[in-house]
Amino acid sequence: MSEEEESVLPKKMKSQTIQTLHDTIDREWSALQRTACQTAAGRALWNHVIHDPVADVLAGESFLKSLREKISKDKLNNAREVSGVILAVRTLWFDSKLEAAIKSFGEGEAQVVLLGAGMDARAYRLSCLKESNVFEVDFAELLQIKASLMQEAMGSAEQQRKAMVAKSVTSVAADIRDGDWLEKLQVSGFAPEKSTVWLLEGILYYLPHLNAMEVLQTIAAKTLLTKTVLLADFMNESSASLSLSTYHFYSDWPDQLLEALGFPNIKLSQIGDPDANFGLLHDPQNLFNRLRSLPRSTKTNPEDGTPCRRLYLVEASGSPKQSI
């Protein structure tokens, strides 16, 4: 690492413990698990709009360096879309919809379940979670290293509790590709009868089709029990085809899919829409605005012959009174 890059790193990043933990990540984690650090790197380098206090520590040096180089190159080339902007917009969309969902529940405790939580730190940065019990579900080894990194970033358990904005945070070691993740969630204190927001950010398309559908069906069934909000992003088929070895689940019409599963209220957005822009997409000719101008049924862009690769941001909700 150059002296200039070294100077960019905050002092806490130079901790030997943090470096050792990230060496373990680089050496032992699967490609799927490492996407948690890539996401954290995006939040760290777009921190002027996301305000994540620990994203850099959770991302690690190698992922920060890689994305920083891409951003510098994009700015040098006057790119219409700077690397990481889609992640920043996606994060802010989930933040805003999460806040709105909790407000819609009214008074009283709410639950927020982060499936495939990764290196998420919303419990430490979103004030809307102050009356919410947050459950972070992910691989055991990921949650263990995340806990160690959080300790290095924030200090003792007592210091972490003081820094925490949410009412509580519970780590749930489970693989959502297995059939027992809901049981493990309930054993950890999740109350099925309480109003719940289910947040699935950047996770569904990594799951095999059968597993993704099982997760969505499980959440949809909760609308018969209590106020339930699902926030999730979906790739269309063209996006998933970018890497068939990485991406598995896709939906060209996630709004229709969720309606068929039993959600009575569904709103779909695309990157660049009024509620999925946040002033970060300045060029009217950027990729996302060009896609939005085309019908969703269009598979190939008539202007240049490229596939129409879309990311859908979807909010679905229901309650016992609305069950269909």
Protein backbone atom coordinates (compact mmCIF):
# COMPACT_ATOMS: atom_id res chain seq x y z
CA MET A 1 0.00 0.00 0.00
CA SER A 2 1.30 3.45 -0.95
CA GLU A 3 1.94 6.18 1.63
CA GLU A 4 -1.04 8.13 0.22
CA GLU A 5 -3.39 5.15 0.65
CA GLU A 6 -1.98 4.49 4.11
CA SER A 7 -2.78 8.05 5.15
CA VAL A 8 -6.40 7.63 4.04
CA LEU A 9 -6.93 4.78 6.51
CA PRO A 10 -8.16 5.82 9.97
CA LYS A 11 -5.91 4.90 12.87
CA LYS A 12 -8.23 2.16 14.08
CA MET A 13 -7.77 0.35 10.74
CA LYS A 14 -4.08 -0.10 11.51
CA SER A 15 -4.86 -2.29 14.54
CA GLN A 16 -3.07 -5.61 14.32
CA THR A 17 -6.21 -7.39 15.55
CA ILE A 18 -8.32 -5.87 12.77
CA GLN A 19 -5.74 -6.77 10.16
CA THR A 20 -5.54 -10.34 11.47
CA LEU A 21 -9.32 -10.72 11.38
CA HIS A 22 -9.43 -9.52 7.78
CA ASP A 23 -6.59 -11.84 6.86
CA THR A 24 -8.84 -14.66 8.08
CA ILE A 25 -11.69 -13.34 5.95
CA ASP A 26 -9.50 -13.18 2.84
CA ARG A 27 -8.14 -16.65 3.48
CA GLU A 28 -11.15 -18.62 4.73
CA TRP A 29 -14.42 -17.00 3.69
CA SER A 30 -16.37 -18.02 0.60
CA ALA A 31 -17.07 -15.59 -2.22
CA LEU A 32 -20.64 -15.23 -0.93
CA GLN A 33 -19.47 -14.36 2.59
CA ARG A 34 -16.96 -11.82 1.26
CA THR A 35 -19.74 -9.86 -0.43
CA ALA A 36 -20.54 -8.61 3.11
CA CYS A 37 -17.19 -6.79 3.15
CA GLN A 38 -17.70 -5.46 -0.38
CA THR A 39 -21.01 -3.94 0.70
CA ALA A 40 -19.39 -2.42 3.78
CA ALA A 41 -16.66 -0.92 1.57
CA GLY A 42 -19.31 0.76 -0.56
CA ARG A 43 -20.95 2.25 2.52
CA ALA A 44 -17.59 3.40 3.87
CA LEU A 45 -16.59 5.19 0.66
CA TRP A 46 -20.04 6.78 0.29
CA ASN A 47 -20.13 7.63 3.99
CA HIS A 48 -20.84 11.30 3.26
CA VAL A 49 -24.44 10.24 2.57
CA ILE A 50 -24.77 6.96 4.53
CA HIS A 51 -23.04 7.91 7.81
CA ASP A 52 -22.02 4.42 8.89
CA PRO A 53 -19.66 4.69 11.90
CA VAL A 54 -17.99 1.30 11.49
CA ALA A 55 -18.24 0.53 7.76
CA ASP A 56 -14.51 0.96 7.15
CA VAL A 57 -13.52 -1.46 9.92
CA LEU A 58 -16.09 -4.01 8.76
CA ALA A 59 -14.96 -3.69 5.12
CA GLY A 60 -11.24 -4.12 5.61
CA GLU A 61 -8.23 -2.70 3.84
CA SER A 62 -8.26 -4.80 0.66
CA PHE A 63 -11.92 -4.14 -0.19
CA LEU A 64 -11.57 -0.42 0.56
CA LYS A 65 -8.50 -0.17 -1.65
CA SER A 66 -10.15 -1.99 -4.55
CA LEU A 67 -13.27 0.17 -4.56
CA ARG A 68 -11.33 3.40 -3.96
CA GLU A 69 -9.27 2.68 -7.10
CA LYS A 70 -12.43 2.10 -9.14
CA ILE A 71 -14.01 5.32 -7.89
CA SER A 72 -10.85 7.31 -8.70
CA LYS A 73 -10.74 5.83 -12.20
CA ASP A 74 -14.42 6.60 -12.80
CA LYS A 75 -14.00 10.21 -11.71
CA LEU A 76 -10.90 10.59 -13.89
CA ASN A 77 -12.86 9.30 -16.87
CA ASN A 78 -15.94 11.41 -16.07
CA ALA A 79 -18.05 8.25 -15.86
CA ARG A 80 -21.81 8.71 -15.84
CA GLU A 81 -22.09 6.21 -12.97
CA VAL A 82 -19.37 6.26 -10.32
CA SER A 83 -18.56 2.88 -8.76
CA GLY A 84 -20.53 2.24 -5.60
CA VAL A 85 -23.37 4.65 -6.40
CA ILE A 86 -25.88 1.84 -6.94
CA LEU A 87 -24.98 0.43 -3.52
CA ALA A 88 -25.30 3.86 -1.92
CA VAL A 89 -28.73 4.42 -3.46
CA ARG A 90 -29.83 0.92 -2.51
CA THR A 91 -28.71 1.43 1.10
CA LEU A 92 -30.52 4.77 1.37
CA TRP A 93 -33.68 3.30 -0.17
CA PHE A 94 -33.72 0.50 2.42
CA ASP A 95 -33.04 3.04 5.19
CA SER A 96 -35.92 5.28 4.16
CA LYS A 97 -38.39 2.44 3.65
CA LEU A 98 -37.39 0.85 6.96
CA GLU A 99 -38.09 4.13 8.79
CA ALA A 100 -41.45 4.50 7.03
CA ALA A 101 -42.43 0.91 7.83
CA ILE A 102 -41.68 1.30 11.53
CA LYS A 103 -43.69 4.53 11.66
CA SER A 104 -46.61 2.75 9.97
CA PHE A 105 -46.78 0.29 12.87
CA GLY A 106 -47.65 3.07 15.30
CA GLU A 107 -46.80 2.93 18.99
CA GLY A 108 -45.09 -0.03 20.63
CA GLU A 109 -42.18 -2.33 19.95
CA ALA A 110 -41.35 -3.48 16.45
CA GLN A 111 -39.04 -6.19 15.24
CA VAL A 112 -36.58 -5.87 12.38
CA VAL A 113 -35.10 -9.02 10.89
CA LEU A 114 -32.03 -8.69 8.65
CA LEU A 115 -31.75 -11.91 6.66
CA GLY A 116 -28.21 -12.30 5.35
CA ALA A 117 -27.24 -9.37 7.57
CA GLY A 118 -23.56 -9.45 6.65
CA MET A 119 -21.67 -6.41 7.92
CA ASP A 120 -24.80 -4.33 8.41
CA ALA A 121 -24.59 -1.66 11.14
CA ARG A 122 -28.06 -0.11 10.95
CA ALA A 123 -28.58 -0.83 14.65
CA TYR A 124 -25.80 1.68 15.34
CA ARG A 125 -26.80 4.43 12.91
CA LEU A 126 -30.59 4.63 12.40
CA SER A 127 -32.51 6.49 15.08
CA CYS A 128 -35.80 5.02 13.82
CA LEU A 129 -34.74 1.74 15.44
CA LYS A 130 -34.75 3.10 19.01
CA GLU A 131 -37.88 1.10 19.93
CA SER A 132 -37.06 -1.91 17.74
CA ASN A 133 -35.53 -5.27 18.50
CA VAL A 134 -33.13 -6.08 15.66
CA PHE A 135 -32.23 -9.64 14.67
CA GLU A 136 -29.19 -10.20 12.46
CA VAL A 137 -29.29 -13.60 10.74
CA ASP A 138 -26.20 -14.92 8.97
CA PHE A 139 -23.48 -17.59 8.95
CA ALA A 140 -22.02 -18.33 12.39
CA GLU A 141 -18.42 -17.67 11.32
CA LEU A 142 -19.40 -14.32 9.77
CA LEU A 143 -21.22 -13.17 12.91
CA GLN A 144 -18.29 -14.22 15.10
CA ILE A 145 -15.74 -12.19 13.15
CA LYS A 146 -18.16 -9.27 12.85
CA ALA A 147 -18.53 -9.25 16.65
CA SER A 148 -14.75 -9.15 17.04
CA LEU A 149 -14.44 -6.29 14.55
CA MET A 150 -17.21 -4.36 16.30
CA GLN A 151 -15.38 -4.78 19.59
CA GLU A 152 -12.19 -3.40 18.05
CA ALA A 153 -14.09 -0.49 16.51
CA MET A 154 -16.23 0.42 19.53
CA GLY A 155 -14.61 -1.09 22.60
CA SER A 156 -16.16 -3.13 25.39
CA ALA A 157 -19.65 -4.61 25.42
CA GLU A 158 -20.75 -1.69 27.61
CA GLN A 159 -19.35 0.84 25.13
CA GLN A 160 -21.09 -0.97 22.29
CA ARG A 161 -24.41 -0.83 24.16
CA LYS A 162 -23.98 2.93 24.61
CA ALA A 163 -23.23 3.35 20.89
CA MET A 164 -26.18 1.19 19.86
CA VAL A 165 -29.23 3.10 18.66
CA ALA A 166 -31.64 0.15 18.41
CA LYS A 167 -33.43 -1.13 21.50
CA SER A 168 -31.58 -4.45 21.16
CA VAL A 169 -29.51 -6.41 18.66
CA THR A 170 -29.48 -10.20 18.58
CA SER A 171 -27.17 -12.27 16.39
CA VAL A 172 -28.77 -15.44 15.01
CA ALA A 173 -26.36 -17.98 13.54
CA ALA A 174 -28.25 -19.65 10.72
CA ASP A 175 -27.98 -20.42 7.01
CA ILE A 176 -31.22 -19.27 5.37
CA ARG A 177 -30.72 -21.96 2.73
CA ASP A 178 -31.50 -24.48 5.49
CA GLY A 179 -34.98 -25.24 6.71
CA ASP A 180 -34.36 -24.43 10.36
CA TRP A 181 -33.52 -20.73 10.20
CA LEU A 182 -36.97 -19.60 11.37
CA GLU A 183 -36.83 -21.98 14.34
CA LYS A 184 -33.40 -20.61 15.28
CA LEU A 185 -34.76 -17.08 14.97
CA GLN A 186 -37.64 -17.84 17.33
CA VAL A 187 -35.35 -19.57 19.84
CA SER A 188 -33.31 -16.34 19.85
CA GLY A 189 -36.29 -14.28 21.00
CA PHE A 190 -38.17 -13.43 17.81
CA ALA A 191 -41.89 -13.10 18.59
CA PRO A 192 -44.08 -14.16 15.62
CA GLU A 193 -47.04 -12.08 16.85
CA LYS A 194 -45.17 -8.73 16.86
CA SER A 195 -45.13 -6.28 13.96
CA THR A 196 -42.05 -7.05 11.88
CA VAL A 197 -39.99 -5.57 9.06
CA TRP A 198 -38.08 -8.20 7.08
CA LEU A 199 -35.08 -6.67 5.35
CA LEU A 200 -33.43 -8.69 2.56
CA GLU A 201 -30.80 -6.41 1.05
CA GLY A 202 -28.46 -7.89 -1.53
CA ILE A 203 -29.21 -11.49 -0.64
CA LEU A 204 -32.06 -13.08 -2.64
CA TYR A 205 -30.21 -13.42 -5.93
CA TYR A 206 -27.42 -15.43 -4.30
CA LEU A 207 -29.90 -18.10 -3.20
CA PRO A 208 -30.98 -21.10 -5.27
CA HIS A 209 -34.49 -20.58 -6.65
CA LEU A 210 -36.09 -23.11 -4.29
CA ASN A 211 -34.50 -21.52 -1.19
CA ALA A 212 -35.40 -17.97 -2.23
CA MET A 213 -39.00 -18.96 -2.80
CA GLU A 214 -39.16 -20.75 0.57
CA VAL A 215 -37.88 -17.59 2.32
CA LEU A 216 -40.42 -15.38 0.54
CA GLN A 217 -43.27 -17.81 1.25
CA THR A 218 -42.31 -17.95 4.93
CA ILE A 219 -42.41 -14.16 5.22
CA ALA A 220 -45.65 -13.89 3.21
CA ALA A 221 -47.31 -16.32 5.64
CA LYS A 222 -46.59 -13.88 8.48
CA THR A 223 -49.11 -11.41 7.02
CA LEU A 224 -51.81 -13.76 8.39
CA LEU A 225 -50.43 -13.32 11.93
CA THR A 226 -49.31 -9.71 12.26
CA LYS A 227 -48.40 -6.47 10.49
CA THR A 228 -45.60 -7.49 8.14
CA VAL A 229 -43.38 -5.49 5.79
CA LEU A 230 -40.91 -7.03 3.35
CA LEU A 231 -38.12 -4.89 1.88
CA ALA A 232 -36.06 -6.67 -0.77
CA ASP A 233 -34.14 -6.15 -3.99
CA PHE A 234 -34.54 -8.42 -7.01
CA MET A 235 -32.38 -8.88 -10.10
CA ASN A 236 -34.08 -9.52 -13.42
CA GLU A 237 -32.92 -12.41 -15.60
CA SER A 238 -30.50 -10.27 -17.61
CA SER A 239 -28.76 -9.07 -14.44
CA ALA A 240 -28.47 -12.58 -13.01
CA SER A 241 -26.94 -13.79 -16.28
CA LEU A 242 -23.89 -11.60 -15.61
CA SER A 243 -22.53 -14.49 -13.52
CA LEU A 244 -24.47 -17.75 -13.56
CA SER A 245 -22.05 -19.21 -11.02
CA THR A 246 -22.76 -16.36 -8.56
CA TYR A 247 -26.39 -15.38 -9.10
CA HIS A 248 -29.19 -17.92 -9.08
CA PHE A 249 -32.57 -16.44 -8.22
CA TYR A 250 -34.14 -13.74 -10.36
CA SER A 251 -37.53 -12.30 -11.18
CA ASP A 252 -38.53 -10.06 -14.06
CA TRP A 253 -41.85 -9.32 -12.34
CA PRO A 254 -41.27 -9.45 -8.56
CA ASP A 255 -44.41 -7.38 -7.89
CA GLN A 256 -46.54 -10.08 -9.54
CA LEU A 257 -44.62 -12.81 -7.72
CA LEU A 258 -45.22 -11.25 -4.31
CA GLU A 259 -48.88 -10.65 -5.06
CA ALA A 260 -49.24 -14.35 -5.91
CA LEU A 261 -47.61 -15.21 -2.57
CA GLY A 262 -50.26 -13.23 -0.69
CA PHE A 263 -48.95 -9.68 -0.19
CA PRO A 264 -51.84 -7.24 -0.77
CA ASN A 265 -49.71 -4.07 -0.91
CA ILE A 266 -46.71 -3.88 -3.23
CA LYS A 267 -44.64 -0.98 -4.51
CA LEU A 268 -41.78 -1.49 -6.97
CA SER A 269 -39.03 1.03 -7.69
CA GLN A 270 -35.96 1.10 -9.89
CA ILE A 271 -32.65 2.86 -9.28
CA GLY A 272 -33.18 6.47 -10.34
CA ASP A 273 -36.90 6.64 -9.52
CA PRO A 274 -37.98 9.61 -7.37
CA ASP A 275 -37.79 7.47 -4.21
CA ALA A 276 -34.54 5.78 -5.30
CA ASN A 277 -32.32 8.64 -6.36
CA PHE A 278 -31.30 10.72 -3.32
CA GLY A 279 -29.62 13.30 -5.55
CA LEU A 280 -26.78 10.91 -6.43
CA LEU A 281 -27.62 10.29 -10.10
CA HIS A 282 -26.90 13.63 -11.71
CA ASP A 283 -26.42 12.66 -15.36
CA PRO A 284 -29.79 12.27 -17.12
CA GLN A 285 -28.10 9.88 -19.57
CA ASN A 286 -26.82 7.52 -16.89
CA LEU A 287 -27.52 3.83 -17.29
CA PHE A 288 -30.31 3.74 -14.72
CA ASN A 289 -32.32 6.60 -16.21
CA ARG A 290 -32.01 5.11 -19.70
CA LEU A 291 -33.37 1.79 -18.42
CA ARG A 292 -36.26 3.45 -16.60
CA SER A 293 -37.43 4.97 -19.86
CA LEU A 294 -37.88 1.53 -21.43
CA PRO A 295 -40.84 -0.79 -20.76
CA ARG A 296 -39.98 -3.48 -18.23
CA SER A 297 -40.81 -6.14 -20.82
CA THR A 298 -37.96 -4.91 -23.04
CA LYS A 299 -35.08 -7.39 -22.91
CA THR A 300 -32.60 -5.53 -25.14
CA ASN A 301 -31.89 -1.82 -25.31
CA PRO A 302 -32.84 -0.72 -28.87
CA GLU A 303 -30.26 2.08 -28.76
CA ASP A 304 -27.15 -0.05 -28.34
CA GLY A 305 -28.26 -3.69 -28.30
CA THR A 306 -27.16 -4.28 -24.69
CA PRO A 307 -29.23 -6.41 -22.29
CA CYS A 308 -31.60 -4.48 -20.01
CA ARG A 309 -30.09 -5.36 -16.64
CA ARG A 310 -32.36 -4.13 -13.88
CA LEU A 311 -32.36 -4.10 -10.09
CA TYR A 312 -35.83 -3.81 -8.59
CA LEU A 313 -36.37 -2.39 -5.10
CA VAL A 314 -39.59 -3.78 -3.70
CA GLU A 315 -41.70 -2.97 -0.65
CA ALA A 316 -44.50 -5.44 0.13
CA SER A 317 -46.78 -5.45 3.15
CA GLY A 318 -49.83 -7.03 4.67
CA SER A 319 -51.67 -7.70 7.90
CA PRO A 320 -54.36 -10.10 9.12
CA LYS A 321 -57.13 -7.64 8.20
CA GLN A 322 -55.82 -7.43 4.64
CA SER A 323 -55.20 -11.14 4.03
CA ILE A 324 -56.39 -12.33 0.66
